[in-house]
Amino acid sequence: MGRCFEDSKRAYEGGDGARAKQLSEEGKRHKAEMENLNRQASDWIYHANNTDSGPNEVDLHGLYVKEAIARTEEAIQAAQQRGDPNIHLIVGKGLHSQGGVAKLKPAIEQLVVKYQLAAQLDPHNAGVLIVQLNGAQRGERGMGVDEIQRRLEKDDEQCIIM
């Protein structure tokens, strides 16, 4: 794909518009195939991770941030339609991310804020966010981002996949 687009650019700059168009179209076909294969891989990872999960539990491990956001939005909508009070989102602590910096957790936290929902860390598993689907309950306050980050940075807490 990349080579086709680079060659297309060079052909265009060299005045060969027909060849540039041909290479560009070939690059677009490669891009479409890449996106199709990525979608298949994402579906496989998601289904493999969630085969034994309950309807209100979603394991997002192994997904890119964009994919995890889409799956989370789908899961939240489905859980709200079922009338579930909460949903457990397994985001991990970022231990396997490049540089040990979590990518999923901050993105999902932003999504929770976007939908004006309350979230708290699972007291038994710091890699799981429990999202209250009806917002904060009366007299109850969701855990803030700072508290979630503090707990995730504790060395003695481990992410356990249930």
C-alpha atoms as a PDB file:
ATOM      1  CA  MET A   1       0.000   0.000   0.000  1.00  0.00           C
ATOM      2  CA  GLY A   2       2.653   2.474   1.074  1.00  0.00           C
ATOM      3  CA  ARG A   3       4.886   1.638  -1.850  1.00  0.00           C
ATOM      4  CA  CYS A   4       1.986   2.113  -4.293  1.00  0.00           C
ATOM      5  CA  PHE A   5       1.148   5.531  -2.858  1.00  0.00           C
ATOM      6  CA  GLU A   6       4.824   6.595  -2.894  1.00  0.00           C
ATOM      7  CA  ASP A   7       5.263   5.395  -6.482  1.00  0.00           C
ATOM      8  CA  SER A   8       2.021   7.134  -7.427  1.00  0.00           C
ATOM      9  CA  LYS A   9       3.311  10.409  -6.030  1.00  0.00           C
ATOM     10  CA  ARG A  10       6.599  10.037  -7.905  1.00  0.00           C
ATOM     11  CA  ALA A  11       4.763   9.207 -11.149  1.00  0.00           C
ATOM     12  CA  TYR A  12       2.537  12.262 -10.719  1.00  0.00           C
ATOM     13  CA  GLU A  13       5.521  14.496 -10.011  1.00  0.00           C
ATOM     14  CA  GLY A  14       7.208  13.009 -13.095  1.00  0.00           C
ATOM     15  CA  GLY A  15       4.234  13.946 -15.252  1.00  0.00           C
ATOM     16  CA  ASP A  16       2.829  10.417 -15.745  1.00  0.00           C
ATOM     17  CA  GLY A  17      -0.748  11.021 -14.601  1.00  0.00           C
ATOM     18  CA  ALA A  18      -2.102   7.739 -15.956  1.00  0.00           C
ATOM     19  CA  ARG A  19       0.500   5.681 -14.072  1.00  0.00           C
ATOM     20  CA  ALA A  20      -0.060   7.795 -10.936  1.00  0.00           C
ATOM     21  CA  LYS A  21      -3.786   7.070 -11.061  1.00  0.00           C
ATOM     22  CA  GLN A  22      -3.200   3.338 -11.617  1.00  0.00           C
ATOM     23  CA  LEU A  23      -0.809   3.150  -8.644  1.00  0.00           C
ATOM     24  CA  SER A  24      -3.149   5.205  -6.470  1.00  0.00           C
ATOM     25  CA  GLU A  25      -6.043   2.848  -7.240  1.00  0.00           C
ATOM     26  CA  GLU A  26      -3.828  -0.146  -6.430  1.00  0.00           C
ATOM     27  CA  GLY A  27      -2.841   1.510  -3.143  1.00  0.00           C
ATOM     28  CA  LYS A  28      -6.523   2.047  -2.307  1.00  0.00           C
ATOM     29  CA  ARG A  29      -7.237  -1.656  -2.944  1.00  0.00           C
ATOM     30  CA  HIS A  30      -4.383  -2.610  -0.621  1.00  0.00           C
ATOM     31  CA  LYS A  31      -5.707  -0.190   2.001  1.00  0.00           C
ATOM     32  CA  ALA A  32      -9.214  -1.676   1.800  1.00  0.00           C
ATOM     33  CA  GLU A  33      -7.783  -5.184   2.186  1.00  0.00           C
ATOM     34  CA  MET A  34      -5.677  -4.058   5.167  1.00  0.00           C
ATOM     35  CA  GLU A  35      -8.746  -2.529   6.843  1.00  0.00           C
ATOM     36  CA  ASN A  36     -10.748  -5.696   6.192  1.00  0.00           C
ATOM     37  CA  LEU A  37      -8.026  -7.885   7.723  1.00  0.00           C
ATOM     38  CA  ASN A  38      -7.673  -5.543  10.716  1.00  0.00           C
ATOM     39  CA  ARG A  39     -11.445  -5.703  11.266  1.00  0.00           C
ATOM     40  CA  GLN A  40     -11.347  -9.512  11.120  1.00  0.00           C
ATOM     41  CA  ALA A  41      -8.457  -9.610  13.609  1.00  0.00           C
ATOM     42  CA  SER A  42     -10.247  -7.212  15.948  1.00  0.00           C
ATOM     43  CA  ASP A  43     -13.416  -9.318  15.812  1.00  0.00           C
ATOM     44  CA  TRP A  44     -11.437 -12.490  16.511  1.00  0.00           C
ATOM     45  CA  ILE A  45      -9.576 -10.949  19.480  1.00  0.00           C
ATOM     46  CA  TYR A  46     -12.759  -9.477  20.944  1.00  0.00           C
ATOM     47  CA  HIS A  47     -14.742 -12.706  20.633  1.00  0.00           C
ATOM     48  CA  ALA A  48     -11.859 -14.836  21.953  1.00  0.00           C
ATOM     49  CA  ASN A  49     -11.504 -12.583  25.014  1.00  0.00           C
ATOM     50  CA  ASN A  50     -15.224 -12.416  25.714  1.00  0.00           C
ATOM     51  CA  THR A  51     -16.420 -15.963  25.018  1.00  0.00           C
ATOM     52  CA  ASP A  52     -16.836 -16.746  28.715  1.00  0.00           C
ATOM     53  CA  SER A  53     -17.801 -13.221  29.813  1.00  0.00           C
ATOM     54  CA  GLY A  54     -21.180 -12.288  31.186  1.00  0.00           C
ATOM     55  CA  PRO A  55     -23.363  -9.766  29.360  1.00  0.00           C
ATOM     56  CA  ASN A  56     -22.258  -6.931  31.644  1.00  0.00           C
ATOM     57  CA  GLU A  57     -18.520  -7.675  31.366  1.00  0.00           C
ATOM     58  CA  VAL A  58     -16.356  -6.607  28.432  1.00  0.00           C
ATOM     59  CA  ASP A  59     -12.673  -7.493  28.054  1.00  0.00           C
ATOM     60  CA  LEU A  60     -10.963  -4.874  25.893  1.00  0.00           C
ATOM     61  CA  HIS A  61      -7.436  -6.336  26.048  1.00  0.00           C
ATOM     62  CA  GLY A  62      -5.652  -6.584  22.718  1.00  0.00           C
ATOM     63  CA  LEU A  63      -7.786  -3.994  20.937  1.00  0.00           C
ATOM     64  CA  TYR A  64      -6.574  -0.690  19.557  1.00  0.00           C
ATOM     65  CA  VAL A  65      -8.023   2.346  21.334  1.00  0.00           C
ATOM     66  CA  LYS A  66     -10.402   3.153  18.469  1.00  0.00           C
ATOM     67  CA  GLU A  67     -11.682  -0.436  18.462  1.00  0.00           C
ATOM     68  CA  ALA A  68     -12.046  -0.495  22.253  1.00  0.00           C
ATOM     69  CA  ILE A  69     -14.067   2.722  22.190  1.00  0.00           C
ATOM     70  CA  ALA A  70     -16.436   1.346  19.554  1.00  0.00           C
ATOM     71  CA  ARG A  71     -16.881  -1.947  21.453  1.00  0.00           C
ATOM     72  CA  THR A  72     -17.460  -0.050  24.717  1.00  0.00           C
ATOM     73  CA  GLU A  73     -20.105   2.173  23.155  1.00  0.00           C
ATOM     74  CA  GLU A  74     -21.896  -0.900  21.782  1.00  0.00           C
ATOM     75  CA  ALA A  75     -21.682  -2.683  25.141  1.00  0.00           C
ATOM     76  CA  ILE A  76     -22.950   0.336  27.094  1.00  0.00           C
ATOM     77  CA  GLN A  77     -25.920   0.749  24.758  1.00  0.00           C
ATOM     78  CA  ALA A  78     -26.763  -2.960  24.933  1.00  0.00           C
ATOM     79  CA  ALA A  79     -26.465  -2.982  28.745  1.00  0.00           C
ATOM     80  CA  GLN A  80     -28.675   0.099  29.041  1.00  0.00           C
ATOM     81  CA  GLN A  81     -31.292  -1.534  26.796  1.00  0.00           C
ATOM     82  CA  ARG A  82     -31.222  -4.631  29.013  1.00  0.00           C
ATOM     83  CA  GLY A  83     -31.613  -2.410  32.082  1.00  0.00           C
ATOM     84  CA  ASP A  84     -28.289  -3.459  33.640  1.00  0.00           C
ATOM     85  CA  PRO A  85     -27.262  -1.167  36.506  1.00  0.00           C
ATOM     86  CA  ASN A  86     -23.572  -1.338  35.596  1.00  0.00           C
ATOM     87  CA  ILE A  87     -21.003  -2.764  33.243  1.00  0.00           C
ATOM     88  CA  HIS A  88     -17.516  -4.047  34.019  1.00  0.00           C
ATOM     89  CA  LEU A  89     -14.918  -2.896  31.497  1.00  0.00           C
ATOM     90  CA  ILE A  90     -11.625  -4.780  31.652  1.00  0.00           C
ATOM     91  CA  VAL A  91      -9.103  -2.149  30.568  1.00  0.00           C
ATOM     92  CA  GLY A  92      -5.990  -3.427  32.330  1.00  0.00           C
ATOM     93  CA  LYS A  93      -3.353  -1.264  33.922  1.00  0.00           C
ATOM     94  CA  GLY A  94      -1.196  -0.745  30.848  1.00  0.00           C
ATOM     95  CA  LEU A  95       1.489  -3.149  32.026  1.00  0.00           C
ATOM     96  CA  HIS A  96       1.804  -4.649  28.552  1.00  0.00           C
ATOM     97  CA  SER A  97       1.549  -1.340  26.706  1.00  0.00           C
ATOM     98  CA  GLN A  98       4.630   0.240  25.202  1.00  0.00           C
ATOM     99  CA  GLY A  99       6.509   1.988  27.996  1.00  0.00           C
ATOM    100  CA  GLY A 100       4.005   0.647  30.538  1.00  0.00           C
ATOM    101  CA  VAL A 101       1.698   3.584  29.784  1.00  0.00           C
ATOM    102  CA  ALA A 102      -1.977   2.661  29.703  1.00  0.00           C
ATOM    103  CA  LYS A 103      -3.802   3.571  26.506  1.00  0.00           C
ATOM    104  CA  LEU A 104      -7.216   1.971  26.941  1.00  0.00           C
ATOM    105  CA  LYS A 105      -7.973   3.225  30.432  1.00  0.00           C
ATOM    106  CA  PRO A 106      -7.647   6.960  29.689  1.00  0.00           C
ATOM    107  CA  ALA A 107      -9.652   6.610  26.481  1.00  0.00           C
ATOM    108  CA  ILE A 108     -12.456   4.712  28.221  1.00  0.00           C
ATOM    109  CA  GLU A 109     -12.444   7.229  31.082  1.00  0.00           C
ATOM    110  CA  GLN A 110     -12.984  10.009  28.525  1.00  0.00           C
ATOM    111  CA  LEU A 111     -15.827   8.011  27.024  1.00  0.00           C
ATOM    112  CA  VAL A 112     -17.425   7.623  30.466  1.00  0.00           C
ATOM    113  CA  VAL A 113     -17.178  11.398  30.961  1.00  0.00           C
ATOM    114  CA  LYS A 114     -18.639  11.992  27.479  1.00  0.00           C
ATOM    115  CA  TYR A 115     -21.708   9.950  28.393  1.00  0.00           C
ATOM    116  CA  GLN A 116     -21.878  11.564  31.855  1.00  0.00           C
ATOM    117  CA  LEU A 117     -21.647   8.243  33.651  1.00  0.00           C
ATOM    118  CA  ALA A 118     -19.934   7.448  36.935  1.00  0.00           C
ATOM    119  CA  ALA A 119     -17.076   4.943  37.102  1.00  0.00           C
ATOM    120  CA  GLN A 120     -15.053   3.383  39.847  1.00  0.00           C
ATOM    121  CA  LEU A 121     -12.260   0.848  40.011  1.00  0.00           C
ATOM    122  CA  ASP A 122     -13.246  -2.649  40.954  1.00  0.00           C
ATOM    123  CA  PRO A 123     -11.965  -2.980  44.546  1.00  0.00           C
ATOM    124  CA  HIS A 124     -10.766  -6.515  43.765  1.00  0.00           C
ATOM    125  CA  ASN A 125      -9.143  -5.752  40.411  1.00  0.00           C
ATOM    126  CA  ALA A 126      -7.502  -2.413  39.580  1.00  0.00           C
ATOM    127  CA  GLY A 127      -7.645  -3.245  35.850  1.00  0.00           C
ATOM    128  CA  VAL A 128     -11.445  -3.147  35.772  1.00  0.00           C
ATOM    129  CA  LEU A 129     -13.635  -0.060  35.598  1.00  0.00           C
ATOM    130  CA  ILE A 130     -17.175  -0.492  36.883  1.00  0.00           C
ATOM    131  CA  VAL A 131     -19.384   1.968  35.054  1.00  0.00           C
ATOM    132  CA  GLN A 132     -22.704   2.902  36.614  1.00  0.00           C
ATOM    133  CA  LEU A 133     -25.078   3.133  33.674  1.00  0.00           C
ATOM    134  CA  ASN A 134     -27.501   5.491  35.382  1.00  0.00           C
ATOM    135  CA  GLY A 135     -24.785   7.961  36.404  1.00  0.00           C
ATOM    136  CA  ALA A 136     -23.816   8.439  40.032  1.00  0.00           C
ATOM    137  CA  GLN A 137     -26.261   6.884  42.463  1.00  0.00           C
ATOM    138  CA  ARG A 138     -27.929   9.023  45.113  1.00  0.00           C
ATOM    139  CA  GLY A 139     -25.471   9.939  47.831  1.00  0.00           C
ATOM    140  CA  GLU A 140     -22.719   8.097  45.990  1.00  0.00           C
ATOM    141  CA  ARG A 141     -19.876   9.726  44.143  1.00  0.00           C
ATOM    142  CA  GLY A 142     -17.941   8.015  41.380  1.00  0.00           C
ATOM    143  CA  MET A 143     -14.220   7.777  41.752  1.00  0.00           C
ATOM    144  CA  GLY A 144     -12.387  10.645  40.111  1.00  0.00           C
ATOM    145  CA  VAL A 145      -9.721  10.228  37.468  1.00  0.00           C
ATOM    146  CA  ASP A 146      -6.992  11.167  39.971  1.00  0.00           C
ATOM    147  CA  GLU A 147      -8.078   8.431  42.388  1.00  0.00           C
ATOM    148  CA  ILE A 148      -8.285   5.865  39.596  1.00  0.00           C
ATOM    149  CA  GLN A 149      -4.778   6.835  38.417  1.00  0.00           C
ATOM    150  CA  ARG A 150      -3.404   6.684  41.976  1.00  0.00           C
ATOM    151  CA  ARG A 151      -4.766   3.187  42.465  1.00  0.00           C
ATOM    152  CA  LEU A 152      -3.518   1.976  39.103  1.00  0.00           C
ATOM    153  CA  GLU A 153      -0.015   3.215  39.886  1.00  0.00           C
ATOM    154  CA  LYS A 154       0.172   1.240  43.145  1.00  0.00           C
ATOM    155  CA  ASP A 155       2.835  -1.416  42.789  1.00  0.00           C
ATOM    156  CA  ASP A 156       1.067  -3.946  44.992  1.00  0.00           C
ATOM    157  CA  GLU A 157      -2.137  -4.133  42.956  1.00  0.00           C
ATOM    158  CA  GLN A 158      -2.315  -6.553  40.052  1.00  0.00           C
ATOM    159  CA  CYS A 159      -4.742  -6.823  37.167  1.00  0.00           C
ATOM    160  CA  ILE A 160      -6.445 -10.201  37.373  1.00  0.00           C
ATOM    161  CA  ILE A 161      -8.529 -11.430  34.465  1.00  0.00           C
ATOM    162  CA  MET A 162     -11.622 -13.180  35.739  1.00  0.00           C
END
